[in-house]
C-alpha atoms as a PDB file:
ATOM      1  CA  MET A   1      32.416  16.073  33.065  1.00  0.00           C
ATOM      2  CA  ILE A   2      35.585  13.972  32.865  1.00  0.00           C
ATOM      3  CA  LEU A   3      35.471  10.344  31.763  1.00  0.00           C
ATOM      4  CA  GLY A   4      38.138   8.626  33.847  1.00  0.00           C
ATOM      5  CA  ILE A   5      39.579   5.286  32.714  1.00  0.00           C
ATOM      6  CA  ASP A   6      41.840   2.793  34.476  1.00  0.00           C
ATOM      7  CA  GLU A   7      42.662  -0.901  34.116  1.00  0.00           C
ATOM      8  CA  VAL A   8      43.079  -3.722  36.605  1.00  0.00           C
ATOM      9  CA  GLY A   9      44.568  -7.144  36.013  1.00  0.00           C
ATOM     10  CA  ARG A  10      47.404  -6.564  33.582  1.00  0.00           C
ATOM     11  CA  GLY A  11      49.922  -8.651  35.519  1.00  0.00           C
ATOM     12  CA  PRO A  12      48.137 -11.733  36.933  1.00  0.00           C
ATOM     13  CA  TRP A  13      48.699 -15.215  35.540  1.00  0.00           C
ATOM     14  CA  ALA A  14      44.975 -15.952  35.708  1.00  0.00           C
ATOM     15  CA  GLY A  15      41.663 -14.184  35.419  1.00  0.00           C
ATOM     16  CA  PRO A  16      40.210 -11.455  33.211  1.00  0.00           C
ATOM     17  CA  LEU A  17      41.545  -8.044  32.341  1.00  0.00           C
ATOM     18  CA  VAL A  18      39.086  -5.358  33.505  1.00  0.00           C
ATOM     19  CA  VAL A  19      38.884  -1.668  32.580  1.00  0.00           C
ATOM     20  CA  GLY A  20      36.754   0.758  34.561  1.00  0.00           C
ATOM     21  CA  ALA A  21      35.249   3.959  33.149  1.00  0.00           C
ATOM     22  CA  VAL A  22      33.530   6.567  35.340  1.00  0.00           C
ATOM     23  CA  VAL A  23      31.965   9.987  34.854  1.00  0.00           C
ATOM     24  CA  LEU A  24      31.447  11.447  38.321  1.00  0.00           C
ATOM     25  CA  GLY A  25      29.614  14.521  37.064  1.00  0.00           C
ATOM     26  CA  GLY A  26      28.704  16.587  40.098  1.00  0.00           C
ATOM     27  CA  ALA A  27      29.253  13.769  42.602  1.00  0.00           C
ATOM     28  CA  LYS A  28      31.668  14.617  45.421  1.00  0.00           C
ATOM     29  CA  ILE A  29      32.896  11.394  47.009  1.00  0.00           C
ATOM     30  CA  ASP A  30      35.365  11.518  49.901  1.00  0.00           C
ATOM     31  CA  GLY A  31      38.297   9.131  49.982  1.00  0.00           C
ATOM     32  CA  LEU A  32      38.820   8.503  46.264  1.00  0.00           C
ATOM     33  CA  THR A  33      42.387   7.486  45.485  1.00  0.00           C
ATOM     34  CA  ASP A  34      44.389   4.766  43.769  1.00  0.00           C
ATOM     35  CA  SER A  35      42.536   1.523  44.544  1.00  0.00           C
ATOM     36  CA  LYS A  36      45.809  -0.182  45.536  1.00  0.00           C
ATOM     37  CA  LYS A  37      46.169   2.248  48.451  1.00  0.00           C
ATOM     38  CA  LEU A  38      42.825   1.226  49.956  1.00  0.00           C
ATOM     39  CA  THR A  39      41.857  -1.754  52.059  1.00  0.00           C
ATOM     40  CA  ARG A  40      39.493  -4.298  50.567  1.00  0.00           C
ATOM     41  CA  ARG A  41      36.725  -3.173  52.899  1.00  0.00           C
ATOM     42  CA  ARG A  42      37.137   0.503  51.968  1.00  0.00           C
ATOM     43  CA  ARG A  43      37.247  -0.281  48.243  1.00  0.00           C
ATOM     44  CA  GLU A  44      33.991  -2.194  48.533  1.00  0.00           C
ATOM     45  CA  GLU A  45      32.359   0.660  50.473  1.00  0.00           C
ATOM     46  CA  LEU A  46      33.441   3.188  47.858  1.00  0.00           C
ATOM     47  CA  ASP A  47      32.334   0.899  45.026  1.00  0.00           C
ATOM     48  CA  VAL A  48      28.757   1.045  46.333  1.00  0.00           C
ATOM     49  CA  ILE A  49      28.892   4.830  46.649  1.00  0.00           C
ATOM     50  CA  ILE A  50      30.408   5.328  43.184  1.00  0.00           C
ATOM     51  CA  ARG A  51      27.776   3.175  41.525  1.00  0.00           C
ATOM     52  CA  ALA A  52      25.008   5.044  43.363  1.00  0.00           C
ATOM     53  CA  GLN A  53      26.260   8.613  42.861  1.00  0.00           C
ATOM     54  CA  ALA A  54      28.324   8.727  39.665  1.00  0.00           C
ATOM     55  CA  ALA A  55      26.705  10.193  36.575  1.00  0.00           C
ATOM     56  CA  GLY A  56      27.794   7.126  34.614  1.00  0.00           C
ATOM     57  CA  PHE A  57      30.078   4.111  34.875  1.00  0.00           C
ATOM     58  CA  GLY A  58      31.018   1.053  32.837  1.00  0.00           C
ATOM     59  CA  LEU A  59      33.263  -2.001  32.948  1.00  0.00           C
ATOM     60  CA  GLY A  60      35.031  -3.647  30.038  1.00  0.00           C
ATOM     61  CA  TRP A  61      36.112  -7.283  30.406  1.00  0.00           C
ATOM     62  CA  VAL A  62      38.542  -9.357  28.349  1.00  0.00           C
ATOM     63  CA  GLU A  63      38.689 -13.047  29.213  1.00  0.00           C
ATOM     64  CA  PRO A  64      42.013 -14.956  29.445  1.00  0.00           C
ATOM     65  CA  ALA A  65      41.462 -16.801  26.158  1.00  0.00           C
ATOM     66  CA  GLU A  66      40.823 -13.506  24.352  1.00  0.00           C
ATOM     67  CA  LEU A  67      43.929 -12.015  25.907  1.00  0.00           C
ATOM     68  CA  ASP A  68      45.991 -15.030  24.800  1.00  0.00           C
ATOM     69  CA  GLN A  69      44.702 -14.623  21.263  1.00  0.00           C
ATOM     70  CA  LEU A  70      44.996 -10.841  20.981  1.00  0.00           C
ATOM     71  CA  GLY A  71      48.046 -10.052  23.088  1.00  0.00           C
ATOM     72  CA  MET A  72      48.103  -7.588  25.977  1.00  0.00           C
ATOM     73  CA  SER A  73      48.149  -4.343  23.959  1.00  0.00           C
ATOM     74  CA  ALA A  74      45.121  -5.239  21.822  1.00  0.00           C
ATOM     75  CA  ALA A  75      43.333  -6.680  24.865  1.00  0.00           C
ATOM     76  CA  LEU A  76      43.750  -3.397  26.741  1.00  0.00           C
ATOM     77  CA  CYS A  77      42.334  -1.484  23.775  1.00  0.00           C
ATOM     78  CA  LEU A  78      39.384  -3.874  23.533  1.00  0.00           C
ATOM     79  CA  ALA A  79      38.598  -3.764  27.263  1.00  0.00           C
ATOM     80  CA  THR A  80      38.780   0.037  27.209  1.00  0.00           C
ATOM     81  CA  ARG A  81      36.441   0.269  24.248  1.00  0.00           C
ATOM     82  CA  ARG A  82      33.975  -2.105  25.909  1.00  0.00           C
ATOM     83  CA  ALA A  83      33.995  -0.001  29.074  1.00  0.00           C
ATOM     84  CA  VAL A  84      33.474   3.273  27.206  1.00  0.00           C
ATOM     85  CA  GLU A  85      30.601   1.785  25.198  1.00  0.00           C
ATOM     86  CA  LYS A  86      28.698   1.416  28.502  1.00  0.00           C
ATOM     87  CA  ILE A  87      28.826   5.173  29.149  1.00  0.00           C
ATOM     88  CA  THR A  88      25.696   7.012  28.044  1.00  0.00           C
ATOM     89  CA  THR A  89      26.324  10.129  30.135  1.00  0.00           C
ATOM     90  CA  PRO A  90      27.715  13.163  28.232  1.00  0.00           C
ATOM     91  CA  TYR A  91      31.341  14.080  28.968  1.00  0.00           C
ATOM     92  CA  ASN A  92      33.790  16.574  27.509  1.00  0.00           C
ATOM     93  CA  GLU A  93      37.178  15.092  28.404  1.00  0.00           C
ATOM     94  CA  ILE A  94      38.745  11.630  28.668  1.00  0.00           C
ATOM     95  CA  ILE A  95      41.654  10.890  30.978  1.00  0.00           C
ATOM     96  CA  ILE A  96      43.368   7.490  30.904  1.00  0.00           C
ATOM     97  CA  ASP A  97      45.757   6.456  33.647  1.00  0.00           C
ATOM     98  CA  GLY A  98      49.242   5.773  32.276  1.00  0.00           C
ATOM     99  CA  THR A  99      51.019   6.741  29.091  1.00  0.00           C
ATOM    100  CA  ILE A 100      49.115   4.853  26.375  1.00  0.00           C
ATOM    101  CA  ASN A 101      45.980   6.046  24.586  1.00  0.00           C
ATOM    102  CA  PHE A 102      43.944   2.847  24.326  1.00  0.00           C
ATOM    103  CA  LEU A 103      41.295   4.683  22.294  1.00  0.00           C
ATOM    104  CA  LYS A 104      43.760   5.971  19.724  1.00  0.00           C
ATOM    105  CA  ASP A 105      42.222   4.000  16.854  1.00  0.00           C
ATOM    106  CA  THR A 106      38.650   5.078  17.645  1.00  0.00           C
ATOM    107  CA  GLY A 107      36.766   8.282  17.057  1.00  0.00           C
ATOM    108  CA  LYS A 108      37.263   9.220  20.714  1.00  0.00           C
ATOM    109  CA  GLY A 109      41.045   8.938  20.584  1.00  0.00           C
ATOM    110  CA  LYS A 110      41.663  12.612  19.833  1.00  0.00           C
ATOM    111  CA  TYR A 111      39.846  13.635  23.010  1.00  0.00           C
ATOM    112  CA  VAL A 112      42.067  11.530  25.290  1.00  0.00           C
ATOM    113  CA  THR A 113      44.681  12.796  27.705  1.00  0.00           C
ATOM    114  CA  THR A 114      47.014  10.190  29.185  1.00  0.00           C
ATOM    115  CA  MET A 115      48.377  10.907  32.649  1.00  0.00           C
ATOM    116  CA  THR A 116      50.776   9.016  34.870  1.00  0.00           C
ATOM    117  CA  LYS A 117      49.343   8.504  38.363  1.00  0.00           C
ATOM    118  CA  ALA A 118      45.934   9.744  37.218  1.00  0.00           C
ATOM    119  CA  ASP A 119      44.375   7.138  39.499  1.00  0.00           C
ATOM    120  CA  LEU A 120      45.917   9.055  42.388  1.00  0.00           C
ATOM    121  CA  LEU A 121      45.260  12.583  41.121  1.00  0.00           C
ATOM    122  CA  VAL A 122      41.979  12.607  39.166  1.00  0.00           C
ATOM    123  CA  PRO A 123      38.841  11.605  41.110  1.00  0.00           C
ATOM    124  CA  SER A 124      37.003  10.043  38.158  1.00  0.00           C
ATOM    125  CA  VAL A 125      40.063   7.926  37.313  1.00  0.00           C
ATOM    126  CA  SER A 126      40.385   6.909  40.978  1.00  0.00           C
ATOM    127  CA  ALA A 127      36.732   5.858  40.870  1.00  0.00           C
ATOM    128  CA  ALA A 128      37.349   3.869  37.705  1.00  0.00           C
ATOM    129  CA  SER A 129      40.262   2.044  39.319  1.00  0.00           C
ATOM    130  CA  ILE A 130      38.136   1.209  42.361  1.00  0.00           C
ATOM    131  CA  ILE A 131      35.122  -0.239  40.534  1.00  0.00           C
ATOM    132  CA  ALA A 132      37.400  -2.234  38.218  1.00  0.00           C
ATOM    133  CA  LYS A 133      39.415  -3.623  41.145  1.00  0.00           C
ATOM    134  CA  VAL A 134      36.326  -4.567  43.157  1.00  0.00           C
ATOM    135  CA  ALA A 135      34.630  -6.187  40.148  1.00  0.00           C
ATOM    136  CA  ARG A 136      37.679  -8.243  39.204  1.00  0.00           C
ATOM    137  CA  ASP A 137      38.485  -9.305  42.764  1.00  0.00           C
ATOM    138  CA  SER A 138      34.861 -10.303  43.389  1.00  0.00           C
ATOM    139  CA  TYR A 139      34.912 -12.413  40.239  1.00  0.00           C
ATOM    140  CA  MET A 140      38.098 -14.169  41.335  1.00  0.00           C
ATOM    141  CA  TYR A 141      36.635 -14.840  44.807  1.00  0.00           C
ATOM    142  CA  GLN A 142      33.721 -16.571  43.067  1.00  0.00           C
ATOM    143  CA  GLN A 143      36.107 -18.610  40.930  1.00  0.00           C
ATOM    144  CA  HIS A 144      37.714 -19.939  44.102  1.00  0.00           C
ATOM    145  CA  LYS A 145      34.493 -21.908  44.671  1.00  0.00           C
ATOM    146  CA  LEU A 146      34.981 -23.649  41.308  1.00  0.00           C
ATOM    147  CA  TYR A 147      38.735 -24.124  41.672  1.00  0.00           C
ATOM    148  CA  PRO A 148      39.396 -24.347  45.420  1.00  0.00           C
ATOM    149  CA  ASN A 149      42.907 -25.782  45.000  1.00  0.00           C
ATOM    150  CA  TYR A 150      44.381 -22.614  43.504  1.00  0.00           C
ATOM    151  CA  GLY A 151      43.819 -19.943  46.159  1.00  0.00           C
ATOM    152  CA  PHE A 152      42.166 -17.407  43.875  1.00  0.00           C
ATOM    153  CA  ASP A 153      40.430 -15.916  46.926  1.00  0.00           C
ATOM    154  CA  SER A 154      43.787 -14.739  48.275  1.00  0.00           C
ATOM    155  CA  HIS A 155      46.053 -13.866  45.327  1.00  0.00           C
ATOM    156  CA  VAL A 156      43.258 -13.209  42.727  1.00  0.00           C
ATOM    157  CA  GLY A 157      45.399 -14.710  39.981  1.00  0.00           C
ATOM    158  CA  TYR A 158      48.804 -13.163  40.611  1.00  0.00           C
ATOM    159  CA  GLY A 159      51.905 -15.323  40.365  1.00  0.00           C
ATOM    160  CA  THR A 160      52.537 -16.047  44.021  1.00  0.00           C
ATOM    161  CA  ALA A 161      54.494 -19.039  45.312  1.00  0.00           C
ATOM    162  CA  LYS A 162      51.213 -20.652  46.411  1.00  0.00           C
ATOM    163  CA  HIS A 163      49.747 -20.163  42.951  1.00  0.00           C
ATOM    164  CA  ARG A 164      52.813 -21.604  41.228  1.00  0.00           C
ATOM    165  CA  GLN A 165      52.732 -24.644  43.514  1.00  0.00           C
ATOM    166  CA  ALA A 166      49.048 -25.268  42.704  1.00  0.00           C
ATOM    167  CA  ILE A 167      49.730 -25.092  38.962  1.00  0.00           C
ATOM    168  CA  ASP A 168      52.628 -27.521  39.305  1.00  0.00           C
ATOM    169  CA  GLU A 169      50.370 -29.947  41.163  1.00  0.00           C
ATOM    170  CA  PHE A 170      47.025 -29.590  39.383  1.00  0.00           C
ATOM    171  CA  GLY A 171      47.815 -28.063  35.982  1.00  0.00           C
ATOM    172  CA  VAL A 172      46.059 -24.992  34.615  1.00  0.00           C
ATOM    173  CA  THR A 173      42.400 -23.985  34.398  1.00  0.00           C
ATOM    174  CA  PRO A 174      40.347 -21.972  31.875  1.00  0.00           C
ATOM    175  CA  LEU A 175      41.239 -18.904  33.937  1.00  0.00           C
ATOM    176  CA  HIS A 176      44.949 -19.138  33.202  1.00  0.00           C
ATOM    177  CA  ARG A 177      46.693 -16.982  30.604  1.00  0.00           C
ATOM    178  CA  LEU A 178      48.662 -19.484  28.585  1.00  0.00           C
ATOM    179  CA  SER A 179      50.449 -16.773  26.606  1.00  0.00           C
ATOM    180  CA  PHE A 180      52.287 -15.678  29.761  1.00  0.00           C
ATOM    181  CA  ALA A 181      55.841 -16.989  29.861  1.00  0.00           C
ATOM    182  CA  PRO A 182      55.534 -19.087  33.063  1.00  0.00           C
ATOM    183  CA  LEU A 183      52.523 -20.955  31.608  1.00  0.00           C
ATOM    184  CA  LYS A 184      53.473 -21.355  27.946  1.00  0.00           C
ATOM    185  CA  LYS A 185      54.571 -24.949  28.512  1.00  0.00           C
ATOM    186  CA  TYR A 186      50.904 -25.858  29.090  1.00  0.00           C
ATOM    187  CA  ARG A 187      49.636 -24.264  25.909  1.00  0.00           C
ATOM    188  CA  VAL A 188      50.357 -27.104  23.493  1.00  0.00           C
ATOM    189  CA  ALA A 189      48.153 -29.466  25.486  1.00  0.00           C
ATOM    190  CA  THR A 190      45.032 -27.315  25.705  1.00  0.00           C
ATOM    191  CA  SER A 191      41.984 -28.093  23.571  1.00  0.00           C
ATOM    192  CA  THR A 192      39.967 -24.870  23.667  1.00  0.00           C
ATOM    193  CA  ASP A 193      39.869 -21.791  25.834  1.00  0.00           C
ATOM    194  CA  GLU A 194      37.718 -23.616  28.384  1.00  0.00           C
ATOM    195  CA  THR A 195      39.707 -26.816  28.870  1.00  0.00           C
ATOM    196  CA  VAL A 196      41.428 -27.853  32.073  1.00  0.00           C
ATOM    197  CA  VAL A 197      44.724 -28.936  30.559  1.00  0.00           C
ATOM    198  CA  SER A 198      46.304 -32.337  30.895  1.00  0.00           C
ATOM    199  CA  LYS A 199      50.100 -32.151  30.876  1.00  0.00           C
ATOM    200  CA  ASN A 200      50.358 -35.390  28.923  1.00  0.00           C
ATOM    201  CA  SER A 201      47.942 -34.636  26.066  1.00  0.00           C
ATOM    202  CA  SER A 202      49.269 -35.670  22.640  1.00  0.00           C
ATOM    203  CA  LEU A 203      46.827 -33.503  20.653  1.00  0.00           C
ATOM    204  CA  THR A 204      47.274 -29.850  19.840  1.00  0.00           C
ATOM    205  CA  THR A 205      44.806 -27.079  20.566  1.00  0.00           C
ATOM    206  CA  LYS A 206      43.720 -26.860  16.951  1.00  0.00           C
ATOM    207  CA  GLN A 207      43.232 -30.616  16.520  1.00  0.00           C
ATOM    208  CA  ILE A 208      41.009 -31.006  19.571  1.00  0.00           C
ATOM    209  CA  GLY A 209      39.154 -27.745  18.961  1.00  0.00           C
ATOM    210  CA  ASP A 210      38.433 -28.654  15.339  1.00  0.00           C
ATOM    211  CA  ALA A 211      37.255 -32.113  16.368  1.00  0.00           C
ATOM    212  CA  ALA A 212      34.859 -30.665  18.953  1.00  0.00           C
ATOM    213  CA  GLU A 213      33.414 -28.148  16.507  1.00  0.00           C
ATOM    214  CA  THR A 214      33.013 -30.792  13.802  1.00  0.00           C
ATOM    215  CA  LYS A 215      31.172 -33.018  16.260  1.00  0.00           C
ATOM    216  CA  VAL A 216      28.797 -30.164  17.125  1.00  0.00           C
ATOM    217  CA  ALA A 217      28.304 -29.209  13.465  1.00  0.00           C
ATOM    218  CA  ASP A 218      27.381 -32.808  12.625  1.00  0.00           C
ATOM    219  CA  TYR A 219      24.989 -32.900  15.564  1.00  0.00           C
ATOM    220  CA  LEU A 220      23.268 -29.682  14.483  1.00  0.00           C
ATOM    221  CA  GLN A 221      22.872 -30.852  10.892  1.00  0.00           C
ATOM    222  CA  SER A 222      21.312 -34.086  12.132  1.00  0.00           C
ATOM    223  CA  LYS A 223      18.726 -31.956  13.965  1.00  0.00           C
ATOM    224  CA  GLY A 224      17.835 -29.916  10.875  1.00  0.00           C
ATOM    225  CA  TYR A 225      20.102 -26.926  11.408  1.00  0.00           C
ATOM    226  CA  ARG A 226      22.037 -25.442   8.497  1.00  0.00           C
ATOM    227  CA  VAL A 227      25.629 -24.496   9.354  1.00  0.00           C
ATOM    228  CA  VAL A 228      26.234 -21.058   7.851  1.00  0.00           C
ATOM    229  CA  ASP A 229      29.758 -20.368   9.070  1.00  0.00           C
ATOM    230  CA  ARG A 230      32.494 -21.774  11.298  1.00  0.00           C
ATOM    231  CA  ASN A 231      35.332 -20.072  13.135  1.00  0.00           C
ATOM    232  CA  TRP A 232      34.186 -16.597  12.150  1.00  0.00           C
ATOM    233  CA  ARG A 233      36.528 -14.145  13.786  1.00  0.00           C
ATOM    234  CA  THR A 234      37.722 -10.570  13.848  1.00  0.00           C
ATOM    235  CA  LYS A 235      40.476  -8.833  15.767  1.00  0.00           C
ATOM    236  CA  PHE A 236      38.105  -8.395  18.699  1.00  0.00           C
ATOM    237  CA  CYS A 237      35.923 -11.503  18.843  1.00  0.00           C
ATOM    238  CA  GLU A 238      35.098 -14.870  17.365  1.00  0.00           C
ATOM    239  CA  ILE A 239      32.168 -17.240  16.941  1.00  0.00           C
ATOM    240  CA  ASP A 240      32.686 -20.990  16.793  1.00  0.00           C
ATOM    241  CA  ILE A 241      29.613 -21.933  14.740  1.00  0.00           C
ATOM    242  CA  ILE A 242      26.831 -19.896  13.126  1.00  0.00           C
ATOM    243  CA  ALA A 243      23.756 -21.893  12.135  1.00  0.00           C
ATOM    244  CA  GLU A 244      20.303 -21.188  10.729  1.00  0.00           C
ATOM    245  CA  HIS A 245      17.150 -22.863  12.043  1.00  0.00           C
ATOM    246  CA  ASP A 246      13.482 -21.963  11.610  1.00  0.00           C
ATOM    247  CA  GLY A 247      14.354 -18.524  10.281  1.00  0.00           C
ATOM    248  CA  SER A 248      16.681 -17.679  13.166  1.00  0.00           C
ATOM    249  CA  LEU A 249      20.424 -17.163  13.104  1.00  0.00           C
ATOM    250  CA  ILE A 250      22.083 -18.939  16.038  1.00  0.00           C
ATOM    251  CA  PHE A 251      25.550 -18.125  17.368  1.00  0.00           C
ATOM    252  CA  ILE A 252      27.029 -21.165  19.066  1.00  0.00           C
ATOM    253  CA  GLU A 253      29.906 -21.340  21.519  1.00  0.00           C
ATOM    254  CA  VAL A 254      31.558 -24.772  21.619  1.00  0.00           C
ATOM    255  CA  LYS A 255      33.047 -25.804  24.964  1.00  0.00           C
ATOM    256  CA  TYR A 256      35.107 -28.948  25.359  1.00  0.00           C
ATOM    257  CA  ARG A 257      36.571 -30.338  28.557  1.00  0.00           C
ATOM    258  CA  ARG A 258      38.734 -33.372  28.840  1.00  0.00           C
ATOM    259  CA  ASN A 259      36.940 -34.318  32.047  1.00  0.00           C
ATOM    260  CA  ALA A 260      34.264 -32.868  34.297  1.00  0.00           C
ATOM    261  CA  MET A 261      36.356 -32.497  37.437  1.00  0.00           C
ATOM    262  CA  HIS A 262      35.852 -28.727  37.302  1.00  0.00           C
ATOM    263  CA  GLY A 263      32.317 -28.797  35.889  1.00  0.00           C
ATOM    264  CA  ASP A 264      30.968 -28.969  32.361  1.00  0.00           C
ATOM    265  CA  GLY A 265      31.218 -26.385  29.633  1.00  0.00           C
ATOM    266  CA  PHE A 266      28.012 -24.597  30.595  1.00  0.00           C
ATOM    267  CA  GLU A 267      29.494 -23.454  33.902  1.00  0.00           C
ATOM    268  CA  VAL A 268      31.884 -21.073  32.155  1.00  0.00           C
ATOM    269  CA  ILE A 269      29.108 -19.154  30.384  1.00  0.00           C
ATOM    270  CA  THR A 270      29.207 -16.274  32.840  1.00  0.00           C
ATOM    271  CA  PRO A 271      27.364 -12.965  32.378  1.00  0.00           C
ATOM    272  CA  THR A 272      30.618 -11.579  31.018  1.00  0.00           C
ATOM    273  CA  LYS A 273      30.886 -14.401  28.505  1.00  0.00           C
ATOM    274  CA  LEU A 274      27.279 -13.823  27.423  1.00  0.00           C
ATOM    275  CA  GLU A 275      28.093 -10.169  26.924  1.00  0.00           C
ATOM    276  CA  GLN A 276      31.009 -11.096  24.676  1.00  0.00           C
ATOM    277  CA  MET A 277      28.877 -13.499  22.676  1.00  0.00           C
ATOM    278  CA  THR A 278      26.236 -10.794  22.232  1.00  0.00           C
ATOM    279  CA  PHE A 279      28.886  -8.334  21.061  1.00  0.00           C
ATOM    280  CA  ALA A 280      30.168 -10.855  18.500  1.00  0.00           C
ATOM    281  CA  ALA A 281      26.657 -11.556  17.214  1.00  0.00           C
ATOM    282  CA  LYS A 282      25.926  -7.835  16.813  1.00  0.00           C
ATOM    283  CA  LEU A 283      29.189  -7.332  14.991  1.00  0.00           C
ATOM    284  CA  TYR A 284      28.371 -10.212  12.644  1.00  0.00           C
ATOM    285  CA  ALA A 285      24.908  -8.723  12.044  1.00  0.00           C
ATOM    286  CA  GLN A 286      26.441  -5.522  10.682  1.00  0.00           C
ATOM    287  CA  ARG A 287      27.042  -7.338   7.389  1.00  0.00           C
ATOM    288  CA  PHE A 288      23.299  -7.338   6.703  1.00  0.00           C
ATOM    289  CA  LYS A 289      22.265  -4.324   4.622  1.00  0.00           C
ATOM    290  CA  SER A 290      18.695  -4.614   5.863  1.00  0.00           C
ATOM    291  CA  ALA A 291      17.470  -5.665   9.299  1.00  0.00           C
ATOM    292  CA  PRO A 292      19.171  -8.919  10.373  1.00  0.00           C
ATOM    293  CA  PRO A 293      17.093 -12.020  11.077  1.00  0.00           C
ATOM    294  CA  ASP A 294      16.067 -13.075  14.564  1.00  0.00           C
ATOM    295  CA  MET A 295      19.292 -13.907  16.415  1.00  0.00           C
ATOM    296  CA  ARG A 296      19.893 -16.264  19.320  1.00  0.00           C
ATOM    297  CA  LEU A 297      22.827 -17.479  21.388  1.00  0.00           C
ATOM    298  CA  ALA A 298      23.579 -21.114  22.193  1.00  0.00           C
ATOM    299  CA  VAL A 299      26.203 -23.280  23.859  1.00  0.00           C
ATOM    300  CA  ALA A 300      27.307 -26.814  23.003  1.00  0.00           C
ATOM    301  CA  SER A 301      29.240 -28.722  25.654  1.00  0.00           C
ATOM    302  CA  LEU A 302      31.345 -31.848  25.093  1.00  0.00           C
ATOM    303  CA  SER A 303      33.734 -33.809  27.276  1.00  0.00           C
ATOM    304  CA  GLY A 304      35.923 -36.877  27.248  1.00  0.00           C
ATOM    305  CA  ASP A 305      35.737 -38.770  23.969  1.00  0.00           C
ATOM    306  CA  MET A 306      33.080 -36.401  22.549  1.00  0.00           C
ATOM    307  CA  THR A 307      30.467 -39.121  22.178  1.00  0.00           C
ATOM    308  CA  ASN A 308      27.708 -36.833  23.470  1.00  0.00           C
ATOM    309  CA  VAL A 309      26.791 -33.231  22.705  1.00  0.00           C
ATOM    310  CA  ASP A 310      24.813 -31.221  25.250  1.00  0.00           C
ATOM    311  CA  TYR A 311      23.186 -28.296  23.450  1.00  0.00           C
ATOM    312  CA  ILE A 312      21.276 -25.372  24.970  1.00  0.00           C
ATOM    313  CA  GLU A 313      19.886 -22.268  23.290  1.00  0.00           C
ATOM    314  CA  LEU A 314      20.252 -19.364  25.710  1.00  0.00           C
ATOM    315  CA  THR A 315      18.269 -16.511  24.169  1.00  0.00           C
END
């Protein structure tokens, strides 16, 4: 009962970091190996089999904006922890591909063995690398529909010549990792983690982000909400605005875009993003000594000159 762990997406300029975790249990699956040694078609075939036959599996995602904020080392630890939290199947050993114990600072750290080339040698780690690779690639193929000029369906975010040319021509998107050296020149112009950046912006990230959140806070107060907290953050997550309304605590993500050429702020609230928001809300709720109040998630979207706020409560 080995829990195998592997990551995908450490090197790309764009897209999420994804960690896979798999307990095969008694499943015997032919053809498991390092996902990079398999064709796309074979990876996708094995992904279906792994999900159907494995005793347990999980995926941990870290979005580009989180990675930019945390740095790669902390992002890998966070993605690994998120993947392991999905595993409910018992296991008696943990093997992580590579040389770094990403669970070192958790209660599971002492049970970890790190192993170079584990994705080639240990079936459960091979399985983890495959489901992580398929999940991340599939996500990037979907993003190509939103950002067709960048070629995400071919390079899935890696720094190819085609990708570099697209960035030079069109700027960066919310998928891009602005902490990476080739893209740092765009960072000063961005407003929030979901902004398509204008190269000529004169405002800093903090100035535009603060202005957007203030606009939303004013809007909420005009509707009878009480703003409880703003910019609440930990090492692993953050919440833009926390408000109280009709006995419920509402966790609000603020999304600003300079223009709507790539869609409004609601389009970036993916299932992964919802999962992160839920995690943040649960972490915030731990401060309550008794049962926390009813909790909901919401998104506020602004664009352009921020004259209008579009607000939706999700759950």
